[in-house]
PDB file of N, CA and C in Angstrom:
ATOM      1  N   UNK A   1      37.620 -59.993  -8.968  1.00  0.00           N
ATOM      2  CA  UNK A   1      36.776 -60.976  -8.013  1.00  0.00           C
ATOM      3  C   UNK A   1      35.241 -60.430  -8.876  1.00  0.00           C
ATOM      4  N   UNK A   2      34.842 -61.624  -9.986  1.00  0.00           N
ATOM      5  CA  UNK A   2      33.739 -62.002  -9.539  1.00  0.00           C
ATOM      6  C   UNK A   2      31.818 -60.865  -8.982  1.00  0.00           C
ATOM      7  N   UNK A   3      31.606 -60.776  -9.281  1.00  0.00           N
ATOM      8  CA  UNK A   3      30.228 -60.266  -8.104  1.00  0.00           C
ATOM      9  C   UNK A   3      29.463 -61.909  -8.086  1.00  0.00           C
ATOM     10  N   UNK A   4      29.180 -61.495  -6.961  1.00  0.00           N
ATOM     11  CA  UNK A   4      28.248 -61.834  -5.955  1.00  0.00           C
ATOM     12  C   UNK A   4      27.016 -62.454  -5.735  1.00  0.00           C
ATOM     13  N   UNK A   5      26.302 -63.222  -6.165  1.00  0.00           N
ATOM     14  CA  UNK A   5      24.853 -62.893  -5.872  1.00  0.00           C
ATOM     15  C   UNK A   5      24.558 -63.165  -4.966  1.00  0.00           C
ATOM     16  N   UNK A   6      22.866 -62.153  -4.670  1.00  0.00           N
ATOM     17  CA  UNK A   6      22.674 -61.300  -3.235  1.00  0.00           C
ATOM     18  C   UNK A   6      21.172 -61.714  -3.424  1.00  0.00           C
ATOM     19  N   UNK A   7      20.671 -61.718  -1.997  1.00  0.00           N
ATOM     20  CA  UNK A   7      19.520 -62.189  -2.036  1.00  0.00           C
ATOM     21  C   UNK A   7      18.319 -60.884  -1.281  1.00  0.00           C
ATOM     22  N   UNK A   8      17.647 -60.957  -1.876  1.00  0.00           N
ATOM     23  CA  UNK A   8      16.558 -59.246  -0.773  1.00  0.00           C
ATOM     24  C   UNK A   8      16.034 -60.065   0.288  1.00  0.00           C
ATOM     25  N   UNK A   9      15.641 -60.167   1.149  1.00  0.00           N
ATOM     26  CA  UNK A   9      14.302 -60.485   2.730  1.00  0.00           C
ATOM     27  C   UNK A   9      13.402 -60.385   1.333  1.00  0.00           C
ATOM     28  N   UNK A  10      12.499 -61.217   1.058  1.00  0.00           N
ATOM     29  CA  UNK A  10      11.670 -62.379   0.850  1.00  0.00           C
ATOM     30  C   UNK A  10      10.345 -62.768   1.869  1.00  0.00           C
ATOM     31  N   UNK A  11       9.335 -62.154   2.062  1.00  0.00           N
ATOM     32  CA  UNK A  11       8.353 -62.514   3.116  1.00  0.00           C
ATOM     33  C   UNK A  11       8.057 -63.814   2.616  1.00  0.00           C
ATOM     34  N   UNK A  12       8.083 -64.244   1.495  1.00  0.00           N
ATOM     35  CA  UNK A  12       7.385 -65.251   0.933  1.00  0.00           C
ATOM     36  C   UNK A  12       8.529 -66.187   1.875  1.00  0.00           C
ATOM     37  N   UNK A  13       7.481 -67.384   1.742  1.00  0.00           N
ATOM     38  CA  UNK A  13       7.687 -68.778   3.226  1.00  0.00           C
ATOM     39  C   UNK A  13       9.045 -69.513   2.372  1.00  0.00           C
ATOM     40  N   UNK A  14       9.561 -70.102   2.404  1.00  0.00           N
ATOM     41  CA  UNK A  14      11.262 -70.194   1.502  1.00  0.00           C
ATOM     42  C   UNK A  14      10.054 -71.391   1.277  1.00  0.00           C
ATOM     43  N   UNK A  15       9.789 -72.865   0.892  1.00  0.00           N
ATOM     44  CA  UNK A  15       8.864 -73.689   0.384  1.00  0.00           C
ATOM     45  C   UNK A  15       8.621 -72.860  -0.878  1.00  0.00           C
ATOM     46  N   UNK A  16       8.364 -71.711  -0.837  1.00  0.00           N
ATOM     47  CA  UNK A  16       8.319 -70.944  -2.248  1.00  0.00           C
ATOM     48  C   UNK A  16       9.003 -70.221  -3.336  1.00  0.00           C
ATOM     49  N   UNK A  17       9.944 -70.128  -2.878  1.00  0.00           N
ATOM     50  CA  UNK A  17      11.674 -69.189  -2.754  1.00  0.00           C
ATOM     51  C   UNK A  17      12.930 -70.442  -3.490  1.00  0.00           C
ATOM     52  N   UNK A  18      13.090 -69.729  -4.704  1.00  0.00           N
ATOM     53  CA  UNK A  18      13.545 -71.116  -5.456  1.00  0.00           C
ATOM     54  C   UNK A  18      14.860 -70.626  -4.974  1.00  0.00           C
ATOM     55  N   UNK A  19      15.876 -71.756  -5.358  1.00  0.00           N
ATOM     56  CA  UNK A  19      17.056 -71.365  -3.636  1.00  0.00           C
ATOM     57  C   UNK A  19      18.279 -71.578  -4.928  1.00  0.00           C
ATOM     58  N   UNK A  20      19.161 -71.043  -5.100  1.00  0.00           N
ATOM     59  CA  UNK A  20      20.454 -71.334  -6.150  1.00  0.00           C
ATOM     60  C   UNK A  20      21.844 -71.057  -4.953  1.00  0.00           C
ATOM     61  N   UNK A  21      22.622 -72.306  -5.495  1.00  0.00           N
ATOM     62  CA  UNK A  21      23.610 -73.335  -4.243  1.00  0.00           C
ATOM     63  C   UNK A  21      24.677 -71.660  -5.257  1.00  0.00           C
ATOM     64  N   UNK A  22      26.132 -70.335  -4.635  1.00  0.00           N
ATOM     65  CA  UNK A  22      26.899 -70.031  -4.353  1.00  0.00           C
ATOM     66  C   UNK A  22      27.642 -71.945  -4.471  1.00  0.00           C
ATOM     67  N   UNK A  23      29.057 -70.822  -5.671  1.00  0.00           N
ATOM     68  CA  UNK A  23      29.792 -72.484  -5.479  1.00  0.00           C
ATOM     69  C   UNK A  23      31.253 -71.925  -4.256  1.00  0.00           C
ATOM     70  N   UNK A  24      31.012 -71.014  -3.020  1.00  0.00           N
ATOM     71  CA  UNK A  24      31.901 -70.587  -2.505  1.00  0.00           C
ATOM     72  C   UNK A  24      30.559 -70.847  -1.283  1.00  0.00           C
ATOM     73  N   UNK A  25      29.513 -71.948  -0.938  1.00  0.00           N
ATOM     74  CA  UNK A  25      29.219 -72.657  -0.580  1.00  0.00           C
ATOM     75  C   UNK A  25      30.278 -73.703   0.623  1.00  0.00           C
ATOM     76  N   UNK A  26      29.457 -73.755   1.871  1.00  0.00           N
ATOM     77  CA  UNK A  26      30.746 -74.487   2.724  1.00  0.00           C
ATOM     78  C   UNK A  26      29.766 -74.928   3.835  1.00  0.00           C
ATOM     79  N   UNK A  27      30.473 -76.037   4.202  1.00  0.00           N
ATOM     80  CA  UNK A  27      29.343 -76.905   5.888  1.00  0.00           C
ATOM     81  C   UNK A  27      30.394 -76.119   6.948  1.00  0.00           C
ATOM     82  N   UNK A  28      30.951 -75.920   7.540  1.00  0.00           N
ATOM     83  CA  UNK A  28      31.161 -75.891   8.870  1.00  0.00           C
ATOM     84  C   UNK A  28      30.721 -76.249  10.620  1.00  0.00           C
ATOM     85  N   UNK A  29      31.536 -77.296  10.853  1.00  0.00           N
ATOM     86  CA  UNK A  29      30.426 -77.764  12.450  1.00  0.00           C
ATOM     87  C   UNK A  29      31.453 -76.976  12.787  1.00  0.00           C
ATOM     88  N   UNK A  30      30.115 -75.982  14.124  1.00  0.00           N
ATOM     89  CA  UNK A  30      30.448 -74.937  14.869  1.00  0.00           C
ATOM     90  C   UNK A  30      30.376 -75.651  16.823  1.00  0.00           C
ATOM     91  N   UNK A  31      31.210 -75.843  17.669  1.00  0.00           N
ATOM     92  CA  UNK A  31      31.301 -75.261  18.992  1.00  0.00           C
ATOM     93  C   UNK A  31      31.066 -74.074  19.923  1.00  0.00           C
ATOM     94  N   UNK A  32      30.889 -72.792  18.948  1.00  0.00           N
ATOM     95  CA  UNK A  32      31.350 -71.583  20.148  1.00  0.00           C
ATOM     96  C   UNK A  32      31.094 -70.964  18.529  1.00  0.00           C
ATOM     97  N   UNK A  33      30.903 -69.669  19.474  1.00  0.00           N
ATOM     98  CA  UNK A  33      30.650 -68.763  18.161  1.00  0.00           C
ATOM     99  C   UNK A  33      30.716 -67.232  19.255  1.00  0.00           C
ATOM    100  N   UNK A  34      30.921 -66.099  18.255  1.00  0.00           N
ATOM    101  CA  UNK A  34      30.549 -64.404  18.968  1.00  0.00           C
ATOM    102  C   UNK A  34      30.397 -63.432  18.077  1.00  0.00           C
ATOM    103  N   UNK A  35      30.087 -62.956  18.600  1.00  0.00           N
ATOM    104  CA  UNK A  35      30.119 -61.716  17.778  1.00  0.00           C
ATOM    105  C   UNK A  35      30.452 -60.628  17.889  1.00  0.00           C
ATOM    106  N   UNK A  36      29.602 -59.562  16.443  1.00  0.00           N
ATOM    107  CA  UNK A  36      29.990 -57.952  16.507  1.00  0.00           C
ATOM    108  C   UNK A  36      28.883 -57.127  16.403  1.00  0.00           C
ATOM    109  N   UNK A  37      28.152 -56.601  17.082  1.00  0.00           N
ATOM    110  CA  UNK A  37      27.554 -55.597  16.171  1.00  0.00           C
ATOM    111  C   UNK A  37      27.441 -53.592  16.113  1.00  0.00           C
ATOM    112  N   UNK A  38      26.341 -53.125  14.730  1.00  0.00           N
ATOM    113  CA  UNK A  38      26.383 -51.993  15.367  1.00  0.00           C
ATOM    114  C   UNK A  38      24.906 -51.518  15.100  1.00  0.00           C
ATOM    115  N   UNK A  39      24.634 -50.625  14.600  1.00  0.00           N
ATOM    116  CA  UNK A  39      23.581 -50.155  14.696  1.00  0.00           C
ATOM    117  C   UNK A  39      22.870 -50.563  13.368  1.00  0.00           C
ATOM    118  N   UNK A  40      23.852 -50.913  12.270  1.00  0.00           N
ATOM    119  CA  UNK A  40      23.868 -51.158  10.756  1.00  0.00           C
ATOM    120  C   UNK A  40      23.209 -52.421  10.681  1.00  0.00           C
ATOM    121  N   UNK A  41      24.055 -53.371  11.227  1.00  0.00           N
ATOM    122  CA  UNK A  41      24.414 -54.728  11.018  1.00  0.00           C
ATOM    123  C   UNK A  41      24.867 -55.986  12.616  1.00  0.00           C
ATOM    124  N   UNK A  42      24.935 -57.161  12.271  1.00  0.00           N
ATOM    125  CA  UNK A  42      25.061 -57.708  12.928  1.00  0.00           C
ATOM    126  C   UNK A  42      25.925 -59.180  12.663  1.00  0.00           C
ATOM    127  N   UNK A  43      26.973 -59.310  13.247  1.00  0.00           N
ATOM    128  CA  UNK A  43      27.759 -60.672  12.616  1.00  0.00           C
ATOM    129  C   UNK A  43      28.588 -61.044  13.727  1.00  0.00           C
ATOM    130  N   UNK A  44      28.294 -62.848  13.624  1.00  0.00           N
ATOM    131  CA  UNK A  44      27.958 -63.824  14.028  1.00  0.00           C
ATOM    132  C   UNK A  44      29.206 -64.623  14.572  1.00  0.00           C
ATOM    133  N   UNK A  45      30.500 -65.049  14.334  1.00  0.00           N
ATOM    134  CA  UNK A  45      31.388 -65.625  14.158  1.00  0.00           C
ATOM    135  C   UNK A  45      31.921 -66.967  15.292  1.00  0.00           C
ATOM    136  N   UNK A  46      31.404 -68.190  13.824  1.00  0.00           N
ATOM    137  CA  UNK A  46      31.218 -70.026  15.101  1.00  0.00           C
ATOM    138  C   UNK A  46      32.743 -70.436  14.381  1.00  0.00           C
ATOM    139  N   UNK A  47      32.565 -71.091  15.849  1.00  0.00           N
ATOM    140  CA  UNK A  47      34.363 -71.425  15.336  1.00  0.00           C
ATOM    141  C   UNK A  47      34.329 -72.763  16.113  1.00  0.00           C
ATOM    142  N   UNK A  48      35.076 -73.186  16.181  1.00  0.00           N
ATOM    143  CA  UNK A  48      35.574 -75.018  17.136  1.00  0.00           C
ATOM    144  C   UNK A  48      36.461 -74.918  17.999  1.00  0.00           C
ATOM    145  N   UNK A  49      36.237 -74.760  19.633  1.00  0.00           N
ATOM    146  CA  UNK A  49      37.863 -74.839  20.290  1.00  0.00           C
ATOM    147  C   UNK A  49      38.512 -75.773  20.056  1.00  0.00           C
ATOM    148  N   UNK A  50      40.201 -75.915  20.293  1.00  0.00           N
ATOM    149  CA  UNK A  50      40.606 -77.081  19.879  1.00  0.00           C
ATOM    150  C   UNK A  50      42.106 -75.892  20.665  1.00  0.00           C
ATOM    151  N   UNK A  51      43.269 -77.135  20.937  1.00  0.00           N
ATOM    152  CA  UNK A  51      43.781 -76.490  22.016  1.00  0.00           C
ATOM    153  C   UNK A  51      45.200 -77.085  20.482  1.00  0.00           C
ATOM    154  N   UNK A  52      45.914 -75.547  21.588  1.00  0.00           N
ATOM    155  CA  UNK A  52      47.378 -75.552  21.219  1.00  0.00           C
ATOM    156  C   UNK A  52      48.474 -76.471  21.346  1.00  0.00           C
ATOM    157  N   UNK A  53      49.644 -76.597  20.559  1.00  0.00           N
ATOM    158  CA  UNK A  53      50.598 -77.959  20.664  1.00  0.00           C
ATOM    159  C   UNK A  53      51.126 -77.511  23.226  1.00  0.00           C
ATOM    160  N   UNK A  54      51.038 -75.656  23.358  1.00  0.00           N
ATOM    161  CA  UNK A  54      50.813 -75.809  24.361  1.00  0.00           C
ATOM    162  C   UNK A  54      49.998 -76.429  25.320  1.00  0.00           C
ATOM    163  N   UNK A  55      49.252 -76.525  25.200  1.00  0.00           N
ATOM    164  CA  UNK A  55      48.024 -76.969  26.381  1.00  0.00           C
ATOM    165  C   UNK A  55      47.085 -75.589  26.276  1.00  0.00           C
ATOM    166  N   UNK A  56      47.105 -74.100  25.520  1.00  0.00           N
ATOM    167  CA  UNK A  56      46.140 -73.154  25.661  1.00  0.00           C
ATOM    168  C   UNK A  56      44.804 -73.262  24.855  1.00  0.00           C
ATOM    169  N   UNK A  57      43.775 -73.597  25.326  1.00  0.00           N
ATOM    170  CA  UNK A  57      42.646 -73.568  24.523  1.00  0.00           C
ATOM    171  C   UNK A  57      42.009 -72.606  23.579  1.00  0.00           C
ATOM    172  N   UNK A  58      41.398 -72.447  22.890  1.00  0.00           N
ATOM    173  CA  UNK A  58      41.594 -71.271  21.884  1.00  0.00           C
ATOM    174  C   UNK A  58      40.194 -71.947  21.141  1.00  0.00           C
ATOM    175  N   UNK A  59      39.596 -70.391  19.977  1.00  0.00           N
ATOM    176  CA  UNK A  59      38.164 -70.499  19.587  1.00  0.00           C
ATOM    177  C   UNK A  59      39.271 -70.447  18.335  1.00  0.00           C
ATOM    178  N   UNK A  60      39.290 -71.867  17.145  1.00  0.00           N
ATOM    179  CA  UNK A  60      39.739 -71.411  15.916  1.00  0.00           C
ATOM    180  C   UNK A  60      38.319 -71.016  15.251  1.00  0.00           C
ATOM    181  N   UNK A  61      38.699 -69.729  15.201  1.00  0.00           N
ATOM    182  CA  UNK A  61      37.351 -68.850  13.331  1.00  0.00           C
ATOM    183  C   UNK A  61      37.425 -69.951  12.427  1.00  0.00           C
ATOM    184  N   UNK A  62      36.039 -69.850  11.852  1.00  0.00           N
ATOM    185  CA  UNK A  62      35.921 -70.389  10.996  1.00  0.00           C
ATOM    186  C   UNK A  62      35.153 -70.275   9.976  1.00  0.00           C
ATOM    187  N   UNK A  63      33.496 -69.931  10.026  1.00  0.00           N
ATOM    188  CA  UNK A  63      33.026 -68.640   9.719  1.00  0.00           C
ATOM    189  C   UNK A  63      31.710 -67.676   9.748  1.00  0.00           C
ATOM    190  N   UNK A  64      32.533 -66.713   9.672  1.00  0.00           N
ATOM    191  CA  UNK A  64      31.477 -64.965   9.626  1.00  0.00           C
ATOM    192  C   UNK A  64      30.819 -65.146   9.192  1.00  0.00           C
ATOM    193  N   UNK A  65      28.889 -65.003   9.432  1.00  0.00           N
ATOM    194  CA  UNK A  65      27.929 -64.546   8.375  1.00  0.00           C
ATOM    195  C   UNK A  65      27.933 -62.756   8.588  1.00  0.00           C
ATOM    196  N   UNK A  66      27.323 -61.593   8.424  1.00  0.00           N
ATOM    197  CA  UNK A  66      26.497 -60.884   8.195  1.00  0.00           C
ATOM    198  C   UNK A  66      25.249 -60.323   8.402  1.00  0.00           C
ATOM    199  N   UNK A  67      24.414 -59.720   8.628  1.00  0.00           N
ATOM    200  CA  UNK A  67      23.305 -59.865   8.166  1.00  0.00           C
ATOM    201  C   UNK A  67      22.401 -58.461   9.162  1.00  0.00           C
ATOM    202  N   UNK A  68      21.469 -58.250   8.616  1.00  0.00           N
ATOM    203  CA  UNK A  68      21.334 -57.162   8.541  1.00  0.00           C
ATOM    204  C   UNK A  68      20.323 -57.435  10.188  1.00  0.00           C
ATOM    205  N   UNK A  69      20.044 -56.107  10.657  1.00  0.00           N
ATOM    206  CA  UNK A  69      19.202 -56.308  11.593  1.00  0.00           C
ATOM    207  C   UNK A  69      17.640 -57.223  12.091  1.00  0.00           C
ATOM    208  N   UNK A  70      16.962 -56.622  10.814  1.00  0.00           N
ATOM    209  CA  UNK A  70      16.105 -57.153  10.343  1.00  0.00           C
ATOM    210  C   UNK A  70      15.715 -58.142  10.238  1.00  0.00           C
ATOM    211  N   UNK A  71      16.765 -59.197   9.332  1.00  0.00           N
ATOM    212  CA  UNK A  71      16.949 -60.479   8.951  1.00  0.00           C
ATOM    213  C   UNK A  71      17.616 -60.938  10.136  1.00  0.00           C
ATOM    214  N   UNK A  72      18.346 -60.870  11.315  1.00  0.00           N
ATOM    215  CA  UNK A  72      18.010 -61.199  12.636  1.00  0.00           C
ATOM    216  C   UNK A  72      17.133 -61.121  13.227  1.00  0.00           C
ATOM    217  N   UNK A  73      16.562 -60.975  13.534  1.00  0.00           N
ATOM    218  CA  UNK A  73      15.455 -60.996  14.083  1.00  0.00           C
ATOM    219  C   UNK A  73      14.635 -62.409  13.364  1.00  0.00           C
ATOM    220  N   UNK A  74      14.602 -61.888  12.579  1.00  0.00           N
ATOM    221  CA  UNK A  74      13.934 -63.419  11.568  1.00  0.00           C
ATOM    222  C   UNK A  74      14.364 -64.763  12.129  1.00  0.00           C
ATOM    223  N   UNK A  75      15.448 -64.683  11.449  1.00  0.00           N
ATOM    224  CA  UNK A  75      16.513 -66.224  12.166  1.00  0.00           C
ATOM    225  C   UNK A  75      16.569 -66.109  13.424  1.00  0.00           C
ATOM    226  N   UNK A  76      16.462 -65.139  14.587  1.00  0.00           N
ATOM    227  CA  UNK A  76      15.906 -65.510  16.380  1.00  0.00           C
ATOM    228  C   UNK A  76      14.414 -66.296  16.114  1.00  0.00           C
ATOM    229  N   UNK A  77      14.005 -65.730  15.210  1.00  0.00           N
ATOM    230  CA  UNK A  77      12.210 -66.551  15.345  1.00  0.00           C
ATOM    231  C   UNK A  77      12.700 -66.864  15.346  1.00  0.00           C
ATOM    232  N   UNK A  78      13.121 -68.088  13.517  1.00  0.00           N
ATOM    233  CA  UNK A  78      13.173 -68.857  13.306  1.00  0.00           C
ATOM    234  C   UNK A  78      13.203 -70.024  13.767  1.00  0.00           C
ATOM    235  N   UNK A  79      14.709 -69.695  14.591  1.00  0.00           N
ATOM    236  CA  UNK A  79      15.712 -70.793  16.048  1.00  0.00           C
ATOM    237  C   UNK A  79      14.242 -70.939  17.028  1.00  0.00           C
ATOM    238  N   UNK A  80      14.269 -69.808  17.109  1.00  0.00           N
ATOM    239  CA  UNK A  80      13.631 -70.263  18.957  1.00  0.00           C
ATOM    240  C   UNK A  80      11.749 -71.523  17.850  1.00  0.00           C
ATOM    241  N   UNK A  81      11.342 -70.932  16.613  1.00  0.00           N
ATOM    242  CA  UNK A  81      10.914 -71.963  16.450  1.00  0.00           C
ATOM    243  C   UNK A  81      11.466 -73.383  16.443  1.00  0.00           C
ATOM    244  N   UNK A  82      12.290 -73.752  15.958  1.00  0.00           N
ATOM    245  CA  UNK A  82      13.200 -74.871  15.951  1.00  0.00           C
ATOM    246  C   UNK A  82      13.268 -75.308  17.279  1.00  0.00           C
ATOM    247  N   UNK A  83      14.314 -74.636  18.033  1.00  0.00           N
ATOM    248  CA  UNK A  83      14.547 -75.768  19.482  1.00  0.00           C
ATOM    249  C   UNK A  83      12.691 -75.789  20.029  1.00  0.00           C
ATOM    250  N   UNK A  84      12.077 -74.685  20.030  1.00  0.00           N
ATOM    251  CA  UNK A  84      10.880 -75.451  20.831  1.00  0.00           C
ATOM    252  C   UNK A  84      10.456 -76.633  20.220  1.00  0.00           C
ATOM    253  N   UNK A  85      10.299 -76.304  18.730  1.00  0.00           N
ATOM    254  CA  UNK A  85       9.956 -77.819  18.231  1.00  0.00           C
ATOM    255  C   UNK A  85      11.130 -79.722  18.586  1.00  0.00           C
ATOM    256  N   UNK A  86      12.348 -79.165  18.812  1.00  0.00           N
ATOM    257  CA  UNK A  86      13.152 -79.831  18.930  1.00  0.00           C
ATOM    258  C   UNK A  86      13.805 -80.058  20.838  1.00  0.00           C
ATOM    259  N   UNK A  87      12.685 -79.374  21.527  1.00  0.00           N
ATOM    260  CA  UNK A  87      13.261 -79.827  23.161  1.00  0.00           C
ATOM    261  C   UNK A  87      11.271 -80.589  23.054  1.00  0.00           C
ATOM    262  N   UNK A  88      10.149 -80.503  22.449  1.00  0.00           N
ATOM    263  CA  UNK A  88       9.060 -81.384  22.231  1.00  0.00           C
ATOM    264  C   UNK A  88       9.337 -82.737  22.192  1.00  0.00           C
ATOM    265  N   UNK A  89       9.671 -82.844  21.082  1.00  0.00           N
ATOM    266  CA  UNK A  89      10.393 -84.265  20.936  1.00  0.00           C
ATOM    267  C   UNK A  89      11.052 -84.682  21.563  1.00  0.00           C
ATOM    268  N   UNK A  90      12.249 -84.282  21.686  1.00  0.00           N
ATOM    269  CA  UNK A  90      13.547 -85.221  22.613  1.00  0.00           C
ATOM    270  C   UNK A  90      13.623 -84.774  24.320  1.00  0.00           C
ATOM    271  N   UNK A  91      13.497 -83.441  24.871  1.00  0.00           N
ATOM    272  CA  UNK A  91      12.992 -83.150  25.934  1.00  0.00           C
ATOM    273  C   UNK A  91      14.536 -81.815  26.568  1.00  0.00           C
ATOM    274  N   UNK A  92      14.831 -81.192  27.137  1.00  0.00           N
ATOM    275  CA  UNK A  92      15.744 -79.814  26.960  1.00  0.00           C
ATOM    276  C   UNK A  92      16.702 -80.179  26.447  1.00  0.00           C
ATOM    277  N   UNK A  93      17.191 -79.402  26.612  1.00  0.00           N
ATOM    278  CA  UNK A  93      18.760 -79.971  25.658  1.00  0.00           C
ATOM    279  C   UNK A  93      19.858 -79.017  27.177  1.00  0.00           C
ATOM    280  N   UNK A  94      20.465 -79.093  27.141  1.00  0.00           N
ATOM    281  CA  UNK A  94      21.129 -78.705  28.818  1.00  0.00           C
ATOM    282  C   UNK A  94      21.985 -78.551  27.750  1.00  0.00           C
ATOM    283  N   UNK A  95      22.515 -76.470  28.717  1.00  0.00           N
ATOM    284  CA  UNK A  95      23.583 -76.325  27.928  1.00  0.00           C
ATOM    285  C   UNK A  95      24.140 -75.260  29.988  1.00  0.00           C
ATOM    286  N   UNK A  96      25.364 -75.765  29.821  1.00  0.00           N
ATOM    287  CA  UNK A  96      26.854 -74.856  30.382  1.00  0.00           C
ATOM    288  C   UNK A  96      25.896 -73.188  31.580  1.00  0.00           C
ATOM    289  N   UNK A  97      25.648 -73.185  32.541  1.00  0.00           N
ATOM    290  CA  UNK A  97      25.573 -71.869  32.661  1.00  0.00           C
ATOM    291  C   UNK A  97      26.394 -70.337  32.642  1.00  0.00           C
ATOM    292  N   UNK A  98      27.990 -71.621  32.154  1.00  0.00           N
ATOM    293  CA  UNK A  98      29.130 -70.632  31.815  1.00  0.00           C
ATOM    294  C   UNK A  98      28.619 -69.612  29.767  1.00  0.00           C
ATOM    295  N   UNK A  99      27.684 -69.888  29.689  1.00  0.00           N
ATOM    296  CA  UNK A  99      27.575 -69.598  28.676  1.00  0.00           C
ATOM    297  C   UNK A  99      26.723 -68.908  28.149  1.00  0.00           C
ATOM    298  N   UNK A 100      25.720 -69.149  29.127  1.00  0.00           N
ATOM    299  CA  UNK A 100      23.412 -67.873  29.064  1.00  0.00           C
ATOM    300  C   UNK A 100      24.266 -66.508  29.413  1.00  0.00           C
ATOM    301  N   UNK A 101      23.685 -66.074  27.993  1.00  0.00           N
ATOM    302  CA  UNK A 101      23.800 -64.363  28.401  1.00  0.00           C
ATOM    303  C   UNK A 101      23.404 -64.316  30.037  1.00  0.00           C
ATOM    304  N   UNK A 102      24.281 -62.881  30.229  1.00  0.00           N
ATOM    305  CA  UNK A 102      23.684 -62.589  31.353  1.00  0.00           C
ATOM    306  C   UNK A 102      23.993 -61.143  31.739  1.00  0.00           C
ATOM    307  N   UNK A 103      23.893 -59.867  32.602  1.00  0.00           N
ATOM    308  CA  UNK A 103      23.655 -58.319  32.494  1.00  0.00           C
ATOM    309  C   UNK A 103      24.850 -58.746  32.438  1.00  0.00           C
ATOM    310  N   UNK A 104      26.208 -58.927  31.862  1.00  0.00           N
ATOM    311  CA  UNK A 104      27.880 -57.819  32.241  1.00  0.00           C
ATOM    312  C   UNK A 104      27.729 -58.472  30.460  1.00  0.00           C
ATOM    313  N   UNK A 105      26.551 -59.376  29.554  1.00  0.00           N
ATOM    314  CA  UNK A 105      26.780 -59.478  28.167  1.00  0.00           C
ATOM    315  C   UNK A 105      25.311 -57.798  28.045  1.00  0.00           C
ATOM    316  N   UNK A 106      24.607 -57.858  28.583  1.00  0.00           N
ATOM    317  CA  UNK A 106      24.178 -57.030  27.948  1.00  0.00           C
ATOM    318  C   UNK A 106      24.264 -55.040  28.562  1.00  0.00           C
ATOM    319  N   UNK A 107      25.670 -55.571  29.655  1.00  0.00           N
ATOM    320  CA  UNK A 107      26.166 -53.918  29.065  1.00  0.00           C
ATOM    321  C   UNK A 107      26.944 -53.625  28.046  1.00  0.00           C
ATOM    322  N   UNK A 108      27.328 -54.706  27.764  1.00  0.00           N
ATOM    323  CA  UNK A 108      28.535 -54.903  27.041  1.00  0.00           C
ATOM    324  C   UNK A 108      27.949 -54.398  25.792  1.00  0.00           C
ATOM    325  N   UNK A 109      26.762 -54.795  25.266  1.00  0.00           N
ATOM    326  CA  UNK A 109      26.519 -54.586  24.152  1.00  0.00           C
ATOM    327  C   UNK A 109      25.775 -53.825  24.164  1.00  0.00           C
ATOM    328  N   UNK A 110      24.884 -52.833  24.828  1.00  0.00           N
ATOM    329  CA  UNK A 110      25.266 -51.450  25.754  1.00  0.00           C
ATOM    330  C   UNK A 110      25.817 -50.209  24.676  1.00  0.00           C
ATOM    331  N   UNK A 111      27.654 -50.776  25.817  1.00  0.00           N
ATOM    332  CA  UNK A 111      28.603 -50.094  24.750  1.00  0.00           C
ATOM    333  C   UNK A 111      29.201 -49.607  23.950  1.00  0.00           C
ATOM    334  N   UNK A 112      28.753 -51.625  23.272  1.00  0.00           N
ATOM    335  CA  UNK A 112      28.918 -51.687  21.656  1.00  0.00           C
ATOM    336  C   UNK A 112      28.318 -50.699  21.006  1.00  0.00           C
ATOM    337  N   UNK A 113      27.252 -50.678  21.165  1.00  0.00           N
ATOM    338  CA  UNK A 113      25.661 -49.443  20.096  1.00  0.00           C
ATOM    339  C   UNK A 113      26.652 -48.814  20.930  1.00  0.00           C
ATOM    340  N   UNK A 114      26.505 -48.086  21.758  1.00  0.00           N
ATOM    341  CA  UNK A 114      26.656 -46.981  21.955  1.00  0.00           C
ATOM    342  C   UNK A 114      25.764 -45.240  20.619  1.00  0.00           C
ATOM    343  N   UNK A 115      24.852 -46.204  21.075  1.00  0.00           N
ATOM    344  CA  UNK A 115      24.057 -44.880  19.996  1.00  0.00           C
ATOM    345  C   UNK A 115      24.238 -43.441  20.112  1.00  0.00           C
ATOM    346  N   UNK A 116      23.956 -42.851  21.712  1.00  0.00           N
ATOM    347  CA  UNK A 116      23.712 -41.863  21.730  1.00  0.00           C
ATOM    348  C   UNK A 116      24.933 -40.989  21.322  1.00  0.00           C
ATOM    349  N   UNK A 117      25.931 -41.916  20.986  1.00  0.00           N
ATOM    350  CA  UNK A 117      28.062 -41.368  20.613  1.00  0.00           C
ATOM    351  C   UNK A 117      27.393 -41.184  19.222  1.00  0.00           C
ATOM    352  N   UNK A 118      26.990 -42.373  18.210  1.00  0.00           N
ATOM    353  CA  UNK A 118      27.109 -42.446  16.796  1.00  0.00           C
ATOM    354  C   UNK A 118      25.627 -41.754  16.288  1.00  0.00           C
ATOM    355  N   UNK A 119      27.299 -40.749  15.458  1.00  0.00           N
ATOM    356  CA  UNK A 119      26.773 -40.224  14.457  1.00  0.00           C
ATOM    357  C   UNK A 119      25.967 -40.113  13.631  1.00  0.00           C
ATOM    358  N   UNK A 120      25.807 -42.193  12.801  1.00  0.00           N
ATOM    359  CA  UNK A 120      24.951 -42.550  12.214  1.00  0.00           C
ATOM    360  C   UNK A 120      23.223 -42.347  12.606  1.00  0.00           C
ATOM    361  N   UNK A 121      23.089 -41.974  14.216  1.00  0.00           N
ATOM    362  CA  UNK A 121      21.753 -42.661  15.313  1.00  0.00           C
ATOM    363  C   UNK A 121      21.821 -40.762  15.487  1.00  0.00           C
ATOM    364  N   UNK A 122      22.000 -39.687  15.642  1.00  0.00           N
ATOM    365  CA  UNK A 122      21.903 -38.517  16.339  1.00  0.00           C
ATOM    366  C   UNK A 122      21.309 -38.294  15.142  1.00  0.00           C
TER     367      UNK A 122
END
């Protein structure tokens, strides 16, 4: 397997950074996501809701992105800014209450990290 190019975290503005497109680059539309995390990295899986012939609704996973925690934080800051600009221009974006994070989600995240019981962080 050919070695894939990697990119280091670069604090320079994106406008000054050269961009090279990987031969594996693709665009996938998403209507949903789920994620997994560890004390070392974050993995977000994007997919689309689809129906099976038996009538069951499922999410078909399309692509997974794994990133370091510093990259996750930068991504959050850029997405937050983009949403602020979008909503300032077009108005509030409505989302269903069922998809919003809640305290059960927070408890599951804490359990998934299990910092106190993790040998990497002990």
